């Protein structure tokens, strides 16, 4: 199984690339996000590869980042989504935007991807949410600034980061970011006092 390719980019289209390694050209299908990150033809390229083997075909799928490949693997583990459709999803929405849409259960955004209907979008949102939570990424609104500000404020008061992160995440889930920094901080402090 091929997991990584590094060589000369001899052909490049929005759907696929050919990478020359020691005189052998490996053809890999790619999402648009990878296409835009690649250099010009004849430049050195490095791709993370997923090898898809069936009874009658061997196909390579290439990604510029581990994050893209990881999301692709999660997508193909969803019932009814094969490698081609998963690639189509990643071409229609970037990994960070897809994770955000999943976290917010934004079915409308997911159905904007060509080839994705409402039922498939709901399945993607539901199953990816479970996978993101299981991997340790809590399903929270993306509010890195407020979260980091709260964590920093509590750590400055002498609390440990691990305890602080759990309490801040619980507080944000309960009150939502719209509550404002002061209210979130007060609630976090109450929760820290109970630990």
N, C-alpha and C. Protein backbone atom coordinates (compact mmCIF):
# COMPACT_ATOMS: atom_id res chain seq x y z
N UNK A 1 0.84 -1.19 0.00
CA UNK A 1 0.00 0.00 0.00
C UNK A 1 0.88 1.25 0.00
N UNK A 2 0.55 2.20 -0.85
CA UNK A 2 1.31 3.45 -0.95
C UNK A 2 0.70 4.47 0.01
N UNK A 3 1.52 5.06 0.87
CA UNK A 3 1.02 6.02 1.85
C UNK A 3 1.56 7.41 1.66
N UNK A 4 2.60 7.55 0.77
CA UNK A 4 3.26 8.84 0.63
C UNK A 4 3.99 8.86 -0.71
N UNK A 5 3.93 9.99 -1.41
CA UNK A 5 4.67 10.15 -2.66
C UNK A 5 5.46 11.46 -2.61
N UNK A 6 6.73 11.38 -3.05
CA UNK A 6 7.56 12.58 -3.15
C UNK A 6 8.35 12.49 -4.45
N UNK A 7 8.13 13.44 -5.33
CA UNK A 7 8.82 13.41 -6.60
C UNK A 7 8.50 14.62 -7.44
N UNK A 8 8.75 14.50 -8.76
CA UNK A 8 8.54 15.62 -9.68
C UNK A 8 7.11 15.62 -10.20
N UNK A 9 6.45 16.75 -10.13
CA UNK A 9 5.09 16.91 -10.62
C UNK A 9 5.14 17.06 -12.14
N UNK A 10 4.75 16.01 -12.86
CA UNK A 10 4.85 16.07 -14.32
C UNK A 10 3.54 16.50 -14.99
N UNK A 11 2.42 16.24 -14.34
CA UNK A 11 1.12 16.69 -14.86
C UNK A 11 0.25 17.13 -13.70
N UNK A 12 -0.57 18.16 -13.99
CA UNK A 12 -1.42 18.70 -12.92
C UNK A 12 -2.73 19.20 -13.53
N UNK A 13 -3.85 18.66 -13.05
CA UNK A 13 -5.17 19.17 -13.42
C UNK A 13 -5.95 19.36 -12.12
N UNK A 14 -7.11 20.04 -12.14
CA UNK A 14 -7.88 20.20 -10.91
C UNK A 14 -8.36 18.88 -10.30
N UNK A 15 -8.36 17.79 -11.09
CA UNK A 15 -8.83 16.50 -10.59
C UNK A 15 -7.72 15.50 -10.27
N UNK A 16 -6.55 15.64 -10.91
CA UNK A 16 -5.51 14.64 -10.71
C UNK A 16 -4.12 15.19 -10.99
N UNK A 17 -3.13 14.42 -10.52
CA UNK A 17 -1.73 14.75 -10.77
C UNK A 17 -0.98 13.49 -11.17
N UNK A 18 0.15 13.70 -11.82
CA UNK A 18 1.08 12.60 -12.06
C UNK A 18 2.40 13.00 -11.43
N UNK A 19 2.90 12.14 -10.55
CA UNK A 19 4.16 12.39 -9.85
C UNK A 19 5.19 11.38 -10.33
N UNK A 20 6.31 11.88 -10.86
CA UNK A 20 7.38 11.03 -11.36
C UNK A 20 8.36 10.72 -10.24
N UNK A 21 8.52 9.43 -9.94
CA UNK A 21 9.47 8.99 -8.91
C UNK A 21 10.37 7.95 -9.55
N UNK A 22 11.60 8.33 -9.80
CA UNK A 22 12.57 7.40 -10.40
C UNK A 22 12.13 6.87 -11.77
N UNK A 23 11.49 7.71 -12.57
CA UNK A 23 11.09 7.29 -13.91
C UNK A 23 9.72 6.62 -13.99
N UNK A 24 9.06 6.45 -12.84
CA UNK A 24 7.72 5.86 -12.83
C UNK A 24 6.73 6.96 -12.46
N UNK A 25 5.69 7.12 -13.28
CA UNK A 25 4.68 8.16 -13.04
C UNK A 25 3.49 7.59 -12.27
N UNK A 26 3.25 8.11 -11.07
CA UNK A 26 2.11 7.69 -10.26
C UNK A 26 0.98 8.71 -10.44
N UNK A 27 -0.18 8.24 -10.85
CA UNK A 27 -1.34 9.11 -11.04
C UNK A 27 -2.21 9.05 -9.78
N UNK A 28 -2.55 10.23 -9.26
CA UNK A 28 -3.38 10.30 -8.06
C UNK A 28 -4.49 11.32 -8.26
N UNK A 29 -5.69 10.96 -7.83
CA UNK A 29 -6.80 11.90 -7.83
C UNK A 29 -6.63 12.83 -6.63
N UNK A 30 -6.99 14.10 -6.81
CA UNK A 30 -6.81 15.08 -5.74
C UNK A 30 -8.05 15.97 -5.61
N UNK A 31 -8.26 16.54 -4.41
CA UNK A 31 -9.33 17.54 -4.26
C UNK A 31 -8.82 18.91 -4.73
N UNK A 32 -9.71 19.83 -4.98
CA UNK A 32 -9.33 21.17 -5.42
C UNK A 32 -8.43 21.88 -4.42
N UNK A 33 -8.67 21.64 -3.13
CA UNK A 33 -7.86 22.28 -2.09
C UNK A 33 -6.38 21.92 -2.25
N UNK A 34 -6.11 20.67 -2.62
CA UNK A 34 -4.72 20.24 -2.86
C UNK A 34 -4.19 20.86 -4.13
N UNK A 35 -5.02 20.90 -5.18
CA UNK A 35 -4.61 21.46 -6.47
C UNK A 35 -4.07 22.88 -6.30
N UNK A 36 -4.76 23.70 -5.51
CA UNK A 36 -4.35 25.09 -5.35
C UNK A 36 -3.07 25.23 -4.52
N UNK A 37 -2.74 24.22 -3.73
CA UNK A 37 -1.53 24.30 -2.91
C UNK A 37 -0.29 23.79 -3.64
N UNK A 38 -0.49 23.06 -4.75
CA UNK A 38 0.64 22.50 -5.47
C UNK A 38 1.37 23.56 -6.28
N UNK A 39 2.67 23.32 -6.50
CA UNK A 39 3.46 24.23 -7.32
C UNK A 39 3.19 23.98 -8.81
N UNK A 40 4.04 24.58 -9.63
CA UNK A 40 3.91 24.42 -11.08
C UNK A 40 4.42 23.04 -11.50
N UNK A 41 4.09 22.65 -12.73
CA UNK A 41 4.60 21.38 -13.26
C UNK A 41 6.12 21.41 -13.27
N UNK A 42 6.73 20.25 -13.07
CA UNK A 42 8.18 20.03 -12.97
C UNK A 42 8.77 20.47 -11.63
N UNK A 43 7.92 20.90 -10.69
CA UNK A 43 8.42 21.23 -9.35
C UNK A 43 8.36 19.97 -8.47
N UNK A 44 9.05 20.02 -7.35
CA UNK A 44 9.05 18.90 -6.41
C UNK A 44 7.73 18.94 -5.62
N UNK A 45 7.12 17.77 -5.45
CA UNK A 45 5.84 17.71 -4.76
C UNK A 45 5.85 16.57 -3.76
N UNK A 46 5.09 16.75 -2.68
CA UNK A 46 4.95 15.72 -1.65
C UNK A 46 3.47 15.56 -1.35
N UNK A 47 2.97 14.32 -1.44
CA UNK A 47 1.54 14.07 -1.21
C UNK A 47 1.35 12.95 -0.20
N UNK A 48 0.33 13.10 0.64
CA UNK A 48 -0.12 12.02 1.53
C UNK A 48 -1.11 11.21 0.70
N UNK A 49 -0.91 9.91 0.65
CA UNK A 49 -1.68 9.07 -0.28
C UNK A 49 -2.59 8.09 0.46
N UNK A 50 -3.78 7.93 -0.10
CA UNK A 50 -4.67 6.84 0.30
C UNK A 50 -4.78 5.90 -0.89
N UNK A 51 -4.47 4.62 -0.68
CA UNK A 51 -4.55 3.62 -1.74
C UNK A 51 -5.87 2.88 -1.63
N UNK A 52 -6.66 2.95 -2.72
CA UNK A 52 -7.97 2.30 -2.74
C UNK A 52 -7.90 1.11 -3.70
N UNK A 53 -8.07 -0.08 -3.14
CA UNK A 53 -7.96 -1.30 -3.94
C UNK A 53 -9.31 -1.99 -3.99
N UNK A 54 -9.77 -2.26 -5.21
CA UNK A 54 -11.00 -3.03 -5.41
C UNK A 54 -10.65 -4.24 -6.28
N UNK A 55 -11.65 -5.08 -6.58
CA UNK A 55 -11.41 -6.28 -7.40
C UNK A 55 -10.87 -5.93 -8.77
N UNK A 56 -11.29 -4.79 -9.33
CA UNK A 56 -10.87 -4.48 -10.70
C UNK A 56 -10.09 -3.18 -10.86
N UNK A 57 -9.69 -2.55 -9.76
CA UNK A 57 -8.95 -1.30 -9.90
C UNK A 57 -8.08 -0.99 -8.69
N UNK A 58 -7.02 -0.24 -8.96
CA UNK A 58 -6.16 0.30 -7.91
C UNK A 58 -6.13 1.81 -8.14
N UNK A 59 -6.59 2.57 -7.17
CA UNK A 59 -6.64 4.03 -7.33
C UNK A 59 -5.91 4.71 -6.19
N UNK A 60 -5.19 5.77 -6.51
CA UNK A 60 -4.48 6.57 -5.52
C UNK A 60 -5.18 7.91 -5.36
N UNK A 61 -5.30 8.35 -4.11
CA UNK A 61 -5.89 9.65 -3.80
C UNK A 61 -4.85 10.45 -3.02
N UNK A 62 -4.52 11.64 -3.51
CA UNK A 62 -3.45 12.43 -2.92
C UNK A 62 -3.95 13.68 -2.21
N UNK A 63 -3.25 14.04 -1.11
CA UNK A 63 -3.65 15.19 -0.30
C UNK A 63 -2.40 15.97 0.11
N UNK A 64 -2.52 17.29 0.16
CA UNK A 64 -1.36 18.10 0.52
C UNK A 64 -1.12 18.13 2.02
N UNK A 65 -2.16 17.82 2.82
CA UNK A 65 -1.99 17.85 4.28
C UNK A 65 -2.55 16.59 4.93
N UNK A 66 -2.06 16.29 6.13
CA UNK A 66 -2.59 15.16 6.91
C UNK A 66 -4.06 15.39 7.24
N UNK A 67 -4.41 16.66 7.50
CA UNK A 67 -5.78 17.01 7.88
C UNK A 67 -6.77 16.61 6.78
N UNK A 68 -6.41 16.93 5.53
CA UNK A 68 -7.29 16.57 4.39
C UNK A 68 -7.44 15.05 4.29
N UNK A 69 -6.33 14.35 4.41
CA UNK A 69 -6.39 12.89 4.30
C UNK A 69 -7.22 12.29 5.44
N UNK A 70 -7.03 12.81 6.64
CA UNK A 70 -7.76 12.32 7.81
C UNK A 70 -9.27 12.51 7.63
N UNK A 71 -9.66 13.68 7.13
CA UNK A 71 -11.08 13.96 6.90
C UNK A 71 -11.63 13.07 5.78
N UNK A 72 -10.82 12.85 4.75
CA UNK A 72 -11.20 11.96 3.65
C UNK A 72 -11.48 10.55 4.19
N UNK A 73 -10.61 10.05 5.06
CA UNK A 73 -10.79 8.71 5.64
C UNK A 73 -12.06 8.64 6.49
N UNK A 74 -12.36 9.72 7.22
CA UNK A 74 -13.60 9.76 8.00
C UNK A 74 -14.81 9.73 7.07
N UNK A 75 -14.73 10.48 5.97
CA UNK A 75 -15.85 10.54 5.04
C UNK A 75 -16.14 9.19 4.39
N UNK A 76 -15.08 8.47 3.97
CA UNK A 76 -15.33 7.19 3.28
C UNK A 76 -15.81 6.11 4.24
N UNK A 77 -15.71 6.35 5.53
CA UNK A 77 -16.25 5.40 6.51
C UNK A 77 -17.73 5.64 6.79
N UNK A 78 -18.29 6.68 6.16
CA UNK A 78 -19.72 6.95 6.30
C UNK A 78 -20.46 6.15 5.24
N UNK A 79 -21.52 5.47 5.65
CA UNK A 79 -22.31 4.63 4.75
C UNK A 79 -22.77 5.43 3.53
N UNK A 80 -22.51 4.90 2.34
CA UNK A 80 -22.97 5.53 1.10
C UNK A 80 -22.00 6.55 0.52
N UNK A 81 -20.86 6.75 1.17
CA UNK A 81 -19.88 7.69 0.63
C UNK A 81 -18.60 6.94 0.26
N UNK A 82 -18.33 6.92 -1.03
CA UNK A 82 -17.12 6.28 -1.54
C UNK A 82 -16.02 7.31 -1.74
N UNK A 83 -14.84 6.86 -2.19
CA UNK A 83 -13.71 7.77 -2.37
C UNK A 83 -13.99 8.94 -3.32
N UNK A 84 -14.69 8.69 -4.42
CA UNK A 84 -14.98 9.76 -5.39
C UNK A 84 -15.87 10.85 -4.78
N UNK A 85 -16.90 10.43 -4.06
CA UNK A 85 -17.80 11.40 -3.44
C UNK A 85 -17.09 12.15 -2.31
N UNK A 86 -16.25 11.43 -1.56
CA UNK A 86 -15.48 12.07 -0.48
C UNK A 86 -14.55 13.14 -1.06
N UNK A 87 -13.93 12.84 -2.20
CA UNK A 87 -13.05 13.79 -2.88
C UNK A 87 -13.86 15.00 -3.34
N UNK A 88 -15.06 14.73 -3.83
CA UNK A 88 -15.97 15.78 -4.28
C UNK A 88 -16.32 16.71 -3.11
N UNK A 89 -16.56 16.11 -1.93
CA UNK A 89 -16.88 16.90 -0.73
C UNK A 89 -15.71 17.83 -0.40
N UNK A 90 -14.49 17.28 -0.39
CA UNK A 90 -13.31 18.09 -0.05
C UNK A 90 -12.99 19.13 -1.12
N UNK A 91 -13.46 18.90 -2.35
CA UNK A 91 -13.28 19.90 -3.41
C UNK A 91 -14.28 21.03 -3.24
N UNK A 92 -15.43 20.73 -2.63
CA UNK A 92 -16.48 21.72 -2.48
C UNK A 92 -16.41 22.53 -1.20
N UNK A 93 -15.60 22.06 -0.23
CA UNK A 93 -15.51 22.75 1.06
C UNK A 93 -14.17 22.36 1.71
N UNK A 94 -13.48 23.33 2.28
CA UNK A 94 -12.20 23.05 2.93
C UNK A 94 -12.39 22.29 4.24
N UNK A 95 -11.35 21.59 4.71
CA UNK A 95 -11.46 20.81 5.94
C UNK A 95 -11.94 21.62 7.14
N UNK A 96 -11.39 22.81 7.34
CA UNK A 96 -11.77 23.63 8.50
C UNK A 96 -13.24 24.06 8.39
N UNK A 97 -13.65 24.44 7.18
CA UNK A 97 -15.04 24.89 6.99
C UNK A 97 -16.01 23.72 7.15
N UNK A 98 -15.60 22.53 6.67
CA UNK A 98 -16.46 21.36 6.82
C UNK A 98 -16.62 21.01 8.29
N UNK A 99 -15.53 21.01 9.05
CA UNK A 99 -15.61 20.71 10.48
C UNK A 99 -16.52 21.72 11.19
N UNK A 100 -16.41 22.99 10.79
CA UNK A 100 -17.25 24.01 11.41
C UNK A 100 -18.72 23.78 11.07
N UNK A 101 -19.00 23.45 9.80
CA UNK A 101 -20.38 23.18 9.39
C UNK A 101 -20.94 21.97 10.14
N UNK A 102 -20.10 20.96 10.34
CA UNK A 102 -20.52 19.76 11.07
C UNK A 102 -20.80 20.11 12.53
N UNK A 103 -19.91 20.88 13.14
CA UNK A 103 -20.08 21.26 14.54
C UNK A 103 -21.35 22.07 14.76
N UNK A 104 -21.71 22.90 13.76
CA UNK A 104 -22.91 23.72 13.88
C UNK A 104 -24.14 23.02 13.30
N UNK A 105 -23.96 21.77 12.82
CA UNK A 105 -25.03 21.02 12.13
C UNK A 105 -25.65 21.87 11.02
N UNK A 106 -24.76 22.52 10.25
CA UNK A 106 -25.19 23.40 9.16
C UNK A 106 -25.45 22.58 7.90
N UNK A 107 -26.62 21.94 7.85
CA UNK A 107 -26.98 21.07 6.72
C UNK A 107 -27.03 21.87 5.42
N UNK A 108 -27.53 23.12 5.50
CA UNK A 108 -27.65 23.96 4.30
C UNK A 108 -26.29 24.17 3.64
N UNK A 109 -25.24 24.39 4.46
CA UNK A 109 -23.90 24.61 3.89
C UNK A 109 -23.39 23.33 3.25
N UNK A 110 -23.62 22.20 3.89
CA UNK A 110 -23.12 20.93 3.35
C UNK A 110 -23.85 20.57 2.05
N UNK A 111 -25.14 20.88 1.94
CA UNK A 111 -25.88 20.57 0.71
C UNK A 111 -25.48 21.48 -0.44
N UNK A 112 -24.73 22.54 -0.18
CA UNK A 112 -24.24 23.41 -1.26
C UNK A 112 -23.12 22.73 -2.05
N UNK A 113 -22.56 21.65 -1.50
CA UNK A 113 -21.51 20.90 -2.21
C UNK A 113 -22.17 20.14 -3.35
N UNK A 114 -21.67 20.27 -4.59
CA UNK A 114 -22.27 19.54 -5.71
C UNK A 114 -22.30 18.04 -5.47
N UNK A 115 -23.45 17.42 -5.72
CA UNK A 115 -23.59 15.97 -5.57
C UNK A 115 -24.03 15.52 -4.19
N UNK A 116 -24.21 16.47 -3.26
CA UNK A 116 -24.63 16.13 -1.90
C UNK A 116 -26.06 16.59 -1.67
N UNK A 117 -26.95 15.63 -1.46
CA UNK A 117 -28.35 15.94 -1.16
C UNK A 117 -28.55 16.10 0.33
N UNK A 118 -29.80 16.39 0.70
CA UNK A 118 -30.09 16.66 2.11
C UNK A 118 -29.84 15.45 3.00
N UNK A 119 -30.26 14.25 2.54
CA UNK A 119 -30.07 13.05 3.37
C UNK A 119 -28.60 12.75 3.59
N UNK A 120 -27.81 12.86 2.52
CA UNK A 120 -26.36 12.61 2.64
C UNK A 120 -25.73 13.66 3.54
N UNK A 121 -26.15 14.91 3.40
CA UNK A 121 -25.61 15.99 4.24
C UNK A 121 -25.91 15.73 5.72
N UNK A 122 -27.14 15.26 6.00
CA UNK A 122 -27.49 14.96 7.40
C UNK A 122 -26.66 13.80 7.93
N UNK A 123 -26.41 12.80 7.08
CA UNK A 123 -25.59 11.66 7.51
C UNK A 123 -24.15 12.11 7.78
N UNK A 124 -23.62 12.97 6.90
CA UNK A 124 -22.27 13.49 7.09
C UNK A 124 -22.19 14.26 8.41
N UNK A 125 -23.15 15.16 8.64
CA UNK A 125 -23.14 15.98 9.86
C UNK A 125 -23.21 15.10 11.10
N UNK A 126 -24.11 14.13 11.10
CA UNK A 126 -24.30 13.27 12.27
C UNK A 126 -23.08 12.39 12.54
N UNK A 127 -22.62 11.69 11.49
CA UNK A 127 -21.52 10.73 11.71
C UNK A 127 -20.18 11.42 11.93
N UNK A 128 -19.94 12.56 11.27
CA UNK A 128 -18.68 13.26 11.52
C UNK A 128 -18.66 13.89 12.91
N UNK A 129 -19.82 14.34 13.39
CA UNK A 129 -19.88 14.88 14.76
C UNK A 129 -19.42 13.82 15.75
N UNK A 130 -19.93 12.61 15.58
CA UNK A 130 -19.55 11.50 16.47
C UNK A 130 -18.06 11.23 16.39
N UNK A 131 -17.52 11.23 15.17
CA UNK A 131 -16.09 10.95 14.99
C UNK A 131 -15.22 12.06 15.57
N UNK A 132 -15.65 13.32 15.42
CA UNK A 132 -14.88 14.43 15.97
C UNK A 132 -14.88 14.40 17.49
N UNK A 133 -16.03 14.07 18.09
CA UNK A 133 -16.12 13.98 19.56
C UNK A 133 -15.27 12.83 20.07
N UNK A 134 -15.36 11.67 19.38
CA UNK A 134 -14.62 10.50 19.81
C UNK A 134 -13.12 10.75 19.73
N UNK A 135 -12.69 11.57 18.78
CA UNK A 135 -11.27 11.86 18.62
C UNK A 135 -10.79 12.91 19.62
N UNK A 136 -11.73 13.39 20.46
CA UNK A 136 -11.32 14.36 21.48
C UNK A 136 -11.59 15.79 21.10
N UNK A 137 -12.26 16.02 19.97
CA UNK A 137 -12.61 17.38 19.60
C UNK A 137 -14.06 17.61 20.00
N UNK A 138 -14.32 18.32 21.09
CA UNK A 138 -15.70 18.52 21.50
C UNK A 138 -16.46 19.34 20.47
N UNK A 139 -17.73 19.04 20.31
CA UNK A 139 -18.56 19.76 19.35
C UNK A 139 -18.94 21.09 19.98
N UNK A 140 -18.16 22.11 19.68
CA UNK A 140 -18.38 23.44 20.23
C UNK A 140 -18.41 24.45 19.11
N UNK A 141 -19.04 25.58 19.32
CA UNK A 141 -18.92 26.63 18.33
C UNK A 141 -17.45 27.04 18.24
N UNK A 142 -17.02 27.47 17.07
CA UNK A 142 -15.62 27.86 16.93
C UNK A 142 -15.44 29.27 17.48
N UNK A 143 -14.93 29.37 18.68
CA UNK A 143 -14.72 30.68 19.29
C UNK A 143 -13.34 30.69 19.95
N UNK A 144 -12.30 30.50 19.14
CA UNK A 144 -10.97 30.37 19.72
C UNK A 144 -10.53 31.56 20.57
N UNK A 145 -10.90 32.80 20.17
CA UNK A 145 -10.43 33.96 20.92
C UNK A 145 -11.02 33.99 22.34
N UNK A 146 -12.34 33.88 22.46
CA UNK A 146 -12.98 33.91 23.77
C UNK A 146 -12.47 32.76 24.64
N UNK A 147 -12.36 31.58 24.03
CA UNK A 147 -11.91 30.40 24.78
C UNK A 147 -10.50 30.61 25.31
N UNK A 148 -9.60 31.06 24.41
CA UNK A 148 -8.21 31.27 24.83
C UNK A 148 -8.09 32.38 25.86
N UNK A 149 -8.91 33.44 25.73
CA UNK A 149 -8.88 34.53 26.71
C UNK A 149 -9.28 34.03 28.10
N UNK A 150 -10.34 33.19 28.13
CA UNK A 150 -10.79 32.62 29.41
C UNK A 150 -9.73 31.72 30.01
N UNK A 151 -9.15 30.86 29.19
CA UNK A 151 -8.10 29.94 29.66
C UNK A 151 -6.93 30.73 30.23
N UNK A 152 -6.50 31.76 29.49
CA UNK A 152 -5.37 32.59 29.92
C UNK A 152 -5.68 33.28 31.25
N UNK A 153 -6.89 33.85 31.37
CA UNK A 153 -7.27 34.55 32.60
C UNK A 153 -7.25 33.60 33.80
N UNK A 154 -7.79 32.40 33.63
CA UNK A 154 -7.82 31.43 34.74
C UNK A 154 -6.43 30.92 35.09
N UNK A 155 -5.59 30.73 34.07
CA UNK A 155 -4.22 30.27 34.35
C UNK A 155 -3.42 31.34 35.09
N UNK A 156 -3.70 32.60 34.77
CA UNK A 156 -3.04 33.70 35.48
C UNK A 156 -3.42 33.75 36.95
N UNK A 157 -4.57 33.14 37.28
CA UNK A 157 -5.00 33.06 38.67
C UNK A 157 -4.42 31.83 39.38
N UNK A 158 -3.61 31.05 38.65
CA UNK A 158 -2.91 29.93 39.27
C UNK A 158 -3.49 28.55 38.98
N UNK A 159 -4.52 28.47 38.16
CA UNK A 159 -5.09 27.16 37.83
C UNK A 159 -4.28 26.47 36.74
N UNK A 160 -4.37 25.11 36.71
CA UNK A 160 -3.65 24.34 35.69
C UNK A 160 -4.44 24.29 34.39
N UNK A 161 -3.72 24.27 33.26
CA UNK A 161 -4.36 24.35 31.93
C UNK A 161 -5.37 23.23 31.69
N UNK A 162 -5.03 21.99 32.04
CA UNK A 162 -5.93 20.87 31.74
C UNK A 162 -7.28 21.04 32.44
N UNK A 163 -7.25 21.40 33.73
CA UNK A 163 -8.50 21.62 34.47
C UNK A 163 -9.27 22.79 33.88
N UNK A 164 -8.53 23.85 33.55
CA UNK A 164 -9.13 25.07 33.03
C UNK A 164 -9.84 24.81 31.70
N UNK A 165 -9.21 24.06 30.80
CA UNK A 165 -9.80 23.79 29.48
C UNK A 165 -11.14 23.10 29.61
N UNK A 166 -11.21 22.09 30.48
CA UNK A 166 -12.47 21.34 30.67
C UNK A 166 -13.57 22.25 31.20
N UNK A 167 -13.24 23.07 32.19
CA UNK A 167 -14.22 23.96 32.79
C UNK A 167 -14.68 25.01 31.78
N UNK A 168 -13.74 25.59 31.04
CA UNK A 168 -14.09 26.61 30.04
C UNK A 168 -15.01 26.03 28.98
N UNK A 169 -14.68 24.82 28.49
CA UNK A 169 -15.53 24.18 27.47
C UNK A 169 -16.94 23.92 28.01
N UNK A 170 -17.04 23.48 29.27
CA UNK A 170 -18.36 23.25 29.89
C UNK A 170 -19.13 24.56 30.00
N UNK A 171 -18.44 25.62 30.42
CA UNK A 171 -19.08 26.92 30.59
C UNK A 171 -19.59 27.45 29.25
N UNK A 172 -18.77 27.34 28.21
CA UNK A 172 -19.16 27.83 26.88
C UNK A 172 -20.35 27.04 26.36
N UNK A 173 -20.35 25.72 26.61
CA UNK A 173 -21.50 24.91 26.17
C UNK A 173 -22.78 25.34 26.88
N UNK A 174 -22.66 25.69 28.18
CA UNK A 174 -23.82 26.06 28.98
C UNK A 174 -24.33 27.46 28.65
N UNK A 175 -23.43 28.43 28.60
CA UNK A 175 -23.85 29.84 28.48
C UNK A 175 -23.83 30.38 27.06
N UNK A 176 -23.04 29.78 26.16
CA UNK A 176 -22.77 30.29 24.79
C UNK A 176 -21.93 31.55 24.86
N UNK A 177 -21.12 31.81 23.82
CA UNK A 177 -20.20 32.94 23.82
C UNK A 177 -20.89 34.30 23.92
N UNK A 178 -22.15 34.39 23.49
CA UNK A 178 -22.87 35.65 23.51
C UNK A 178 -23.05 36.19 24.94
N UNK A 179 -22.83 35.34 25.93
CA UNK A 179 -22.99 35.77 27.33
C UNK A 179 -21.98 36.87 27.68
N UNK A 180 -20.89 36.93 26.95
CA UNK A 180 -19.87 37.94 27.22
C UNK A 180 -18.75 37.39 28.10
N UNK A 181 -17.57 38.00 27.97
CA UNK A 181 -16.38 37.51 28.65
C UNK A 181 -16.53 37.50 30.17
N UNK A 182 -17.04 38.59 30.75
CA UNK A 182 -17.13 38.69 32.21
C UNK A 182 -18.03 37.61 32.80
N UNK A 183 -19.19 37.42 32.17
CA UNK A 183 -20.13 36.41 32.68
C UNK A 183 -19.54 35.01 32.53
N UNK A 184 -18.87 34.76 31.40
CA UNK A 184 -18.23 33.46 31.19
C UNK A 184 -17.13 33.23 32.23
N UNK A 185 -16.36 34.28 32.53
CA UNK A 185 -15.28 34.17 33.51
C UNK A 185 -15.83 33.89 34.91
N UNK A 186 -16.88 34.62 35.29
CA UNK A 186 -17.49 34.40 36.62
C UNK A 186 -18.00 32.97 36.75
N UNK A 187 -18.68 32.50 35.70
CA UNK A 187 -19.23 31.13 35.73
C UNK A 187 -18.08 30.12 35.78
N UNK A 188 -17.03 30.36 35.04
CA UNK A 188 -15.87 29.45 35.05
C UNK A 188 -15.23 29.39 36.43
N UNK A 189 -15.12 30.56 37.08
CA UNK A 189 -14.54 30.61 38.43
C UNK A 189 -15.40 29.83 39.43
N UNK A 190 -16.73 29.96 39.31
CA UNK A 190 -17.62 29.18 40.19
C UNK A 190 -17.37 27.69 40.00
N UNK A 191 -17.24 27.28 38.74
CA UNK A 191 -17.03 25.86 38.46
C UNK A 191 -15.65 25.40 38.95
N UNK A 192 -14.64 26.26 38.83
CA UNK A 192 -13.30 25.91 39.31
C UNK A 192 -13.31 25.72 40.83
N UNK A 193 -14.11 26.51 41.53
CA UNK A 193 -14.18 26.44 42.99
C UNK A 193 -14.74 25.11 43.46
N UNK A 194 -15.53 24.46 42.60
CA UNK A 194 -16.15 23.19 42.98
C UNK A 194 -15.22 22.00 42.75
N UNK A 195 -14.12 22.23 42.03
CA UNK A 195 -13.20 21.11 41.73
C UNK A 195 -12.38 20.74 42.96
